[in-house]
Amino acid sequence: MAGALTRVVLASQSPRRRDLLDLIGVAHEVRPADVDESVRDGEAPDAYTQRLAREKAAVVAALEPDAVVVAADTTVVIDGEILGKPADAAEAEAMVRRLAGRAHEVYTGIAVRRGAREASAVERVRVTFRALSEAEVRAYVATGEPMDKAGAYGIQGYGATIVERIDGDYFAVMGLSLVRTVALLREVGAVYPFGPLRDAAT
């Protein structure tokens, strides 16, 4: 039987990740982590996203030693190139244009930390866009939705109408694989009883 309630801190300012924890009834606080998100020379997408998630978790765990910290990082990859958040509308249009009518990969690294205990993993999802006209590309970017998202799209908003196929975890594309997060939480001693997290019974 699970023990006392577990305090959870989300090391992210992403409203999508907050919504996903709310969706499964996990009460949490938000404390974003400020880390350098530059890609290192020769760093593979899976290693990159997992490293950033772990670094974010470590930064916040040092400030919140009594909490379980959940951190994540999501990136989009096409033709072997990592696409981050667009700097402006022109770059967003270029990204969406490049993804249109093609498949790409989404990598979401997840890390949970409780004191010195840590568990992390990466979810990889293949996403296919339908073909888009130039007018559609411009109209989508004009909604503003792409501007704070890796790869310049959000699958949970207007972008849902341009994603033709997903092979993998939908929630990972949103920014946090819930099934993987629950498994990682269990590794650091937090039980998910379909509601607020509790400490594992000792």
C-alpha atoms as a PDB file:
ATOM      1  CA  MET A   1       0.000   0.000   0.000  1.00  0.00           C
ATOM      2  CA  ALA A   2       1.291   3.471  -0.889  1.00  0.00           C
ATOM      3  CA  GLY A   3       2.385   5.855   1.853  1.00  0.00           C
ATOM      4  CA  ALA A   4       2.303   9.625   2.279  1.00  0.00           C
ATOM      5  CA  LEU A   5       1.602  12.076  -0.515  1.00  0.00           C
ATOM      6  CA  THR A   6       4.619  12.942  -2.628  1.00  0.00           C
ATOM      7  CA  ARG A   7       5.403  16.565  -3.447  1.00  0.00           C
ATOM      8  CA  VAL A   8       6.040  16.972  -7.177  1.00  0.00           C
ATOM      9  CA  VAL A   9       7.858  19.833  -8.895  1.00  0.00           C
ATOM     10  CA  LEU A  10       7.768  20.193 -12.670  1.00  0.00           C
ATOM     11  CA  ALA A  11      11.045  21.652 -13.944  1.00  0.00           C
ATOM     12  CA  SER A  12       9.401  23.207 -16.984  1.00  0.00           C
ATOM     13  CA  GLN A  13       7.367  26.251 -17.915  1.00  0.00           C
ATOM     14  CA  SER A  14       5.641  24.355 -20.743  1.00  0.00           C
ATOM     15  CA  PRO A  15       1.855  24.681 -20.395  1.00  0.00           C
ATOM     16  CA  ARG A  16       1.499  21.391 -22.310  1.00  0.00           C
ATOM     17  CA  ARG A  17       3.466  19.485 -19.686  1.00  0.00           C
ATOM     18  CA  ARG A  18       1.476  21.107 -16.896  1.00  0.00           C
ATOM     19  CA  ASP A  19      -1.740  20.118 -18.654  1.00  0.00           C
ATOM     20  CA  LEU A  20      -0.549  16.519 -19.026  1.00  0.00           C
ATOM     21  CA  LEU A  21       0.226  16.130 -15.326  1.00  0.00           C
ATOM     22  CA  ASP A  22      -3.161  17.691 -14.554  1.00  0.00           C
ATOM     23  CA  LEU A  23      -4.763  15.225 -16.967  1.00  0.00           C
ATOM     24  CA  ILE A  24      -3.646  12.271 -14.863  1.00  0.00           C
ATOM     25  CA  GLY A  25      -4.361  13.951 -11.533  1.00  0.00           C
ATOM     26  CA  VAL A  26      -0.767  14.535 -10.423  1.00  0.00           C
ATOM     27  CA  ALA A  27      -0.718  17.677  -8.295  1.00  0.00           C
ATOM     28  CA  HIS A  28       2.475  19.633  -8.876  1.00  0.00           C
ATOM     29  CA  GLU A  29       4.282  22.919  -8.544  1.00  0.00           C
ATOM     30  CA  VAL A  30       6.201  24.587 -11.373  1.00  0.00           C
ATOM     31  CA  ARG A  31       9.825  25.662 -11.109  1.00  0.00           C
ATOM     32  CA  PRO A  32      11.479  26.069 -14.525  1.00  0.00           C
ATOM     33  CA  ALA A  33      15.159  25.245 -14.861  1.00  0.00           C
ATOM     34  CA  ASP A  34      17.518  27.546 -16.710  1.00  0.00           C
ATOM     35  CA  VAL A  35      20.077  25.442 -18.576  1.00  0.00           C
ATOM     36  CA  ASP A  36      22.147  25.893 -21.714  1.00  0.00           C
ATOM     37  CA  GLU A  37      20.219  24.126 -24.477  1.00  0.00           C
ATOM     38  CA  SER A  38      22.992  24.241 -27.076  1.00  0.00           C
ATOM     39  CA  VAL A  39      23.644  21.022 -28.953  1.00  0.00           C
ATOM     40  CA  ARG A  40      27.148  19.672 -28.413  1.00  0.00           C
ATOM     41  CA  ASP A  41      29.313  18.739 -31.382  1.00  0.00           C
ATOM     42  CA  GLY A  42      28.373  15.293 -32.645  1.00  0.00           C
ATOM     43  CA  GLU A  43      25.598  14.868 -30.062  1.00  0.00           C
ATOM     44  CA  ALA A  44      22.811  12.532 -31.195  1.00  0.00           C
ATOM     45  CA  PRO A  45      19.181  13.661 -30.720  1.00  0.00           C
ATOM     46  CA  ASP A  46      18.377  10.998 -28.131  1.00  0.00           C
ATOM     47  CA  ALA A  47      21.484  11.803 -26.093  1.00  0.00           C
ATOM     48  CA  TYR A  48      20.779  15.530 -26.418  1.00  0.00           C
ATOM     49  CA  THR A  49      17.199  15.388 -25.131  1.00  0.00           C
ATOM     50  CA  GLN A  50      18.054  12.999 -22.313  1.00  0.00           C
ATOM     51  CA  ARG A  51      21.008  15.153 -21.224  1.00  0.00           C
ATOM     52  CA  LEU A  52      18.887  18.299 -21.120  1.00  0.00           C
ATOM     53  CA  ALA A  53      16.133  16.565 -19.156  1.00  0.00           C
ATOM     54  CA  ARG A  54      18.677  15.289 -16.637  1.00  0.00           C
ATOM     55  CA  GLU A  55      20.339  18.700 -16.320  1.00  0.00           C
ATOM     56  CA  LYS A  56      16.999  20.415 -15.753  1.00  0.00           C
ATOM     57  CA  ALA A  57      16.048  17.847 -13.108  1.00  0.00           C
ATOM     58  CA  ALA A  58      19.392  18.221 -11.343  1.00  0.00           C
ATOM     59  CA  VAL A  59      19.168  22.031 -11.202  1.00  0.00           C
ATOM     60  CA  VAL A  60      15.705  22.004  -9.637  1.00  0.00           C
ATOM     61  CA  ALA A  61      16.379  19.010  -7.371  1.00  0.00           C
ATOM     62  CA  ALA A  62      19.259  20.942  -5.793  1.00  0.00           C
ATOM     63  CA  LEU A  63      16.744  23.646  -4.856  1.00  0.00           C
ATOM     64  CA  GLU A  64      13.918  21.250  -3.943  1.00  0.00           C
ATOM     65  CA  PRO A  65      15.610  18.340  -2.115  1.00  0.00           C
ATOM     66  CA  ASP A  66      12.385  17.123  -0.500  1.00  0.00           C
ATOM     67  CA  ALA A  67      10.434  16.860  -3.768  1.00  0.00           C
ATOM     68  CA  VAL A  68      10.227  14.568  -6.740  1.00  0.00           C
ATOM     69  CA  VAL A  69      11.331  16.612  -9.730  1.00  0.00           C
ATOM     70  CA  VAL A  70      10.035  15.861 -13.230  1.00  0.00           C
ATOM     71  CA  ALA A  71      11.878  17.345 -16.213  1.00  0.00           C
ATOM     72  CA  ALA A  72      11.650  16.845 -19.959  1.00  0.00           C
ATOM     73  CA  ASP A  73      12.967  18.095 -23.251  1.00  0.00           C
ATOM     74  CA  THR A  74      11.507  17.595 -26.721  1.00  0.00           C
ATOM     75  CA  THR A  75      13.134  18.062 -30.091  1.00  0.00           C
ATOM     76  CA  VAL A  76      12.211  17.461 -33.717  1.00  0.00           C
ATOM     77  CA  VAL A  77      14.635  15.842 -36.148  1.00  0.00           C
ATOM     78  CA  ILE A  78      14.523  15.691 -39.942  1.00  0.00           C
ATOM     79  CA  ASP A  79      17.317  14.656 -42.298  1.00  0.00           C
ATOM     80  CA  GLY A  80      19.481  14.175 -39.224  1.00  0.00           C
ATOM     81  CA  GLU A  81      19.114  17.828 -38.201  1.00  0.00           C
ATOM     82  CA  ILE A  82      17.701  18.943 -34.860  1.00  0.00           C
ATOM     83  CA  LEU A  83      15.026  21.615 -35.220  1.00  0.00           C
ATOM     84  CA  GLY A  84      14.659  23.767 -32.135  1.00  0.00           C
ATOM     85  CA  LYS A  85      12.209  26.580 -31.486  1.00  0.00           C
ATOM     86  CA  PRO A  86      12.008  29.069 -34.359  1.00  0.00           C
ATOM     87  CA  ALA A  87      13.559  32.475 -33.800  1.00  0.00           C
ATOM     88  CA  ASP A  88      10.939  34.276 -35.890  1.00  0.00           C
ATOM     89  CA  ALA A  89       8.037  33.736 -38.278  1.00  0.00           C
ATOM     90  CA  ALA A  90      10.311  33.313 -41.289  1.00  0.00           C
ATOM     91  CA  GLU A  91      12.213  30.496 -39.608  1.00  0.00           C
ATOM     92  CA  ALA A  92       8.938  28.905 -38.464  1.00  0.00           C
ATOM     93  CA  GLU A  93       7.636  28.940 -42.028  1.00  0.00           C
ATOM     94  CA  ALA A  94      10.865  27.363 -43.264  1.00  0.00           C
ATOM     95  CA  MET A  95      10.562  24.566 -40.690  1.00  0.00           C
ATOM     96  CA  VAL A  96       6.905  23.816 -41.430  1.00  0.00           C
ATOM     97  CA  ARG A  97       7.609  23.909 -45.166  1.00  0.00           C
ATOM     98  CA  ARG A  98      10.425  21.414 -44.675  1.00  0.00           C
ATOM     99  CA  LEU A  99       8.252  19.032 -42.629  1.00  0.00           C
ATOM    100  CA  ALA A 100       5.244  19.213 -44.967  1.00  0.00           C
ATOM    101  CA  GLY A 101       4.414  15.978 -46.788  1.00  0.00           C
ATOM    102  CA  ARG A 102       7.178  14.079 -45.009  1.00  0.00           C
ATOM    103  CA  ALA A 103       7.931  11.992 -41.942  1.00  0.00           C
ATOM    104  CA  HIS A 104      10.190  13.182 -39.144  1.00  0.00           C
ATOM    105  CA  GLU A 105      11.233  12.041 -35.681  1.00  0.00           C
ATOM    106  CA  VAL A 106      10.288  13.531 -32.317  1.00  0.00           C
ATOM    107  CA  TYR A 107      12.508  12.759 -29.333  1.00  0.00           C
ATOM    108  CA  THR A 108      11.359  13.482 -25.786  1.00  0.00           C
ATOM    109  CA  GLY A 109      13.837  12.985 -22.988  1.00  0.00           C
ATOM    110  CA  ILE A 110      12.369  12.576 -19.498  1.00  0.00           C
ATOM    111  CA  ALA A 111      14.157  12.627 -16.151  1.00  0.00           C
ATOM    112  CA  VAL A 112      12.828  12.291 -12.625  1.00  0.00           C
ATOM    113  CA  ARG A 113      14.929  12.962  -9.587  1.00  0.00           C
ATOM    114  CA  ARG A 114      14.486  12.644  -5.850  1.00  0.00           C
ATOM    115  CA  GLY A 115      17.557  13.645  -3.904  1.00  0.00           C
ATOM    116  CA  ALA A 116      20.378  11.471  -5.222  1.00  0.00           C
ATOM    117  CA  ARG A 117      18.014   9.026  -6.948  1.00  0.00           C
ATOM    118  CA  GLU A 118      17.478   9.585 -10.650  1.00  0.00           C
ATOM    119  CA  ALA A 119      15.848   7.759 -13.535  1.00  0.00           C
ATOM    120  CA  SER A 120      15.684   8.885 -17.158  1.00  0.00           C
ATOM    121  CA  ALA A 121      14.689   7.691 -20.605  1.00  0.00           C
ATOM    122  CA  VAL A 122      13.940   8.845 -24.140  1.00  0.00           C
ATOM    123  CA  GLU A 123      10.781   8.326 -26.189  1.00  0.00           C
ATOM    124  CA  ARG A 124      11.128   8.374 -29.990  1.00  0.00           C
ATOM    125  CA  VAL A 125       8.064   8.928 -32.183  1.00  0.00           C
ATOM    126  CA  ARG A 126       7.714   9.062 -35.957  1.00  0.00           C
ATOM    127  CA  VAL A 127       5.333  11.782 -37.164  1.00  0.00           C
ATOM    128  CA  THR A 128       4.114  12.340 -40.725  1.00  0.00           C
ATOM    129  CA  PHE A 129       2.703  15.635 -42.004  1.00  0.00           C
ATOM    130  CA  ARG A 130       0.237  15.898 -44.863  1.00  0.00           C
ATOM    131  CA  ALA A 131       1.219  17.987 -47.853  1.00  0.00           C
ATOM    132  CA  LEU A 132       0.712  21.732 -47.315  1.00  0.00           C
ATOM    133  CA  SER A 133       0.287  24.572 -49.762  1.00  0.00           C
ATOM    134  CA  GLU A 134       2.368  27.701 -49.339  1.00  0.00           C
ATOM    135  CA  ALA A 135      -0.776  29.545 -48.225  1.00  0.00           C
ATOM    136  CA  GLU A 136      -1.412  26.908 -45.540  1.00  0.00           C
ATOM    137  CA  VAL A 137       2.157  27.166 -44.271  1.00  0.00           C
ATOM    138  CA  ARG A 138       1.850  30.932 -43.900  1.00  0.00           C
ATOM    139  CA  ALA A 139      -1.620  30.722 -42.353  1.00  0.00           C
ATOM    140  CA  TYR A 140      -0.520  28.154 -39.777  1.00  0.00           C
ATOM    141  CA  VAL A 141       2.496  30.188 -38.715  1.00  0.00           C
ATOM    142  CA  ALA A 142       0.294  33.300 -38.544  1.00  0.00           C
ATOM    143  CA  THR A 143      -1.715  31.648 -35.735  1.00  0.00           C
ATOM    144  CA  GLY A 144       1.349  32.072 -33.516  1.00  0.00           C
ATOM    145  CA  GLU A 145       1.156  28.470 -32.354  1.00  0.00           C
ATOM    146  CA  PRO A 146       4.550  27.396 -33.770  1.00  0.00           C
ATOM    147  CA  MET A 147       6.626  30.101 -32.119  1.00  0.00           C
ATOM    148  CA  ASP A 148       7.413  28.433 -28.774  1.00  0.00           C
ATOM    149  CA  LYS A 149       7.634  24.855 -29.992  1.00  0.00           C
ATOM    150  CA  ALA A 150      10.453  22.673 -31.274  1.00  0.00           C
ATOM    151  CA  GLY A 151       9.999  22.061 -34.980  1.00  0.00           C
ATOM    152  CA  ALA A 152       7.522  24.954 -35.181  1.00  0.00           C
ATOM    153  CA  TYR A 153       4.334  22.990 -34.569  1.00  0.00           C
ATOM    154  CA  GLY A 154       2.062  21.793 -31.800  1.00  0.00           C
ATOM    155  CA  ILE A 155       0.205  18.529 -32.222  1.00  0.00           C
ATOM    156  CA  GLN A 156      -2.439  19.433 -29.633  1.00  0.00           C
ATOM    157  CA  GLY A 157      -3.617  22.625 -31.325  1.00  0.00           C
ATOM    158  CA  TYR A 158      -4.076  23.789 -34.914  1.00  0.00           C
ATOM    159  CA  GLY A 159      -1.217  21.446 -35.774  1.00  0.00           C
ATOM    160  CA  ALA A 160      -3.531  18.492 -35.195  1.00  0.00           C
ATOM    161  CA  THR A 161      -4.973  19.204 -38.651  1.00  0.00           C
ATOM    162  CA  ILE A 162      -1.633  18.847 -40.429  1.00  0.00           C
ATOM    163  CA  VAL A 163      -0.379  15.676 -38.743  1.00  0.00           C
ATOM    164  CA  GLU A 164      -1.397  12.749 -40.913  1.00  0.00           C
ATOM    165  CA  ARG A 165       0.110   9.876 -38.921  1.00  0.00           C
ATOM    166  CA  ILE A 166       1.832   9.138 -35.614  1.00  0.00           C
ATOM    167  CA  ASP A 167       3.839   6.012 -34.912  1.00  0.00           C
ATOM    168  CA  GLY A 168       4.439   6.024 -31.166  1.00  0.00           C
ATOM    169  CA  ASP A 169       3.363   7.890 -28.043  1.00  0.00           C
ATOM    170  CA  TYR A 170       1.120  10.885 -28.819  1.00  0.00           C
ATOM    171  CA  PHE A 171       1.805  12.439 -25.415  1.00  0.00           C
ATOM    172  CA  ALA A 172       5.555  12.296 -26.030  1.00  0.00           C
ATOM    173  CA  VAL A 173       4.983  14.505 -29.077  1.00  0.00           C
ATOM    174  CA  MET A 174       3.114  16.921 -26.822  1.00  0.00           C
ATOM    175  CA  GLY A 175       6.144  16.985 -24.556  1.00  0.00           C
ATOM    176  CA  LEU A 176       5.799  14.293 -21.882  1.00  0.00           C
ATOM    177  CA  SER A 177       5.241  10.562 -22.277  1.00  0.00           C
ATOM    178  CA  LEU A 178       2.904   9.794 -19.394  1.00  0.00           C
ATOM    179  CA  VAL A 179       3.341   6.030 -19.344  1.00  0.00           C
ATOM    180  CA  ARG A 180       7.124   6.432 -19.317  1.00  0.00           C
ATOM    181  CA  THR A 181       6.968   9.152 -16.664  1.00  0.00           C
ATOM    182  CA  VAL A 182       4.929   6.955 -14.329  1.00  0.00           C
ATOM    183  CA  ALA A 183       7.451   4.126 -14.773  1.00  0.00           C
ATOM    184  CA  LEU A 184      10.383   6.451 -14.019  1.00  0.00           C
ATOM    185  CA  LEU A 185       8.628   7.851 -10.952  1.00  0.00           C
ATOM    186  CA  ARG A 186       8.273   4.336  -9.628  1.00  0.00           C
ATOM    187  CA  GLU A 187      12.049   3.897  -9.953  1.00  0.00           C
ATOM    188  CA  VAL A 188      12.648   6.776  -7.516  1.00  0.00           C
ATOM    189  CA  GLY A 189      10.068   5.560  -5.014  1.00  0.00           C
ATOM    190  CA  ALA A 190       6.923   7.440  -6.060  1.00  0.00           C
ATOM    191  CA  VAL A 191       3.767   5.421  -6.719  1.00  0.00           C
ATOM    192  CA  TYR A 192       1.011   6.561  -9.077  1.00  0.00           C
ATOM    193  CA  PRO A 193      -2.338   5.259  -7.722  1.00  0.00           C
ATOM    194  CA  PHE A 194      -4.352   6.932 -10.510  1.00  0.00           C
ATOM    195  CA  GLY A 195      -4.239  10.258  -8.735  1.00  0.00           C
ATOM    196  CA  PRO A 196      -1.774  12.260  -6.622  1.00  0.00           C
ATOM    197  CA  LEU A 197       1.599  10.528  -6.239  1.00  0.00           C
ATOM    198  CA  ARG A 198       2.424   8.748  -2.992  1.00  0.00           C
ATOM    199  CA  ASP A 199       5.610   7.424  -1.499  1.00  0.00           C
ATOM    200  CA  ALA A 200       6.201   3.744  -1.988  1.00  0.00           C
ATOM    201  CA  ALA A 201       5.373   1.753   1.116  1.00  0.00           C
ATOM    202  CA  THR A 202       8.385   0.791   3.161  1.00  0.00           C
END
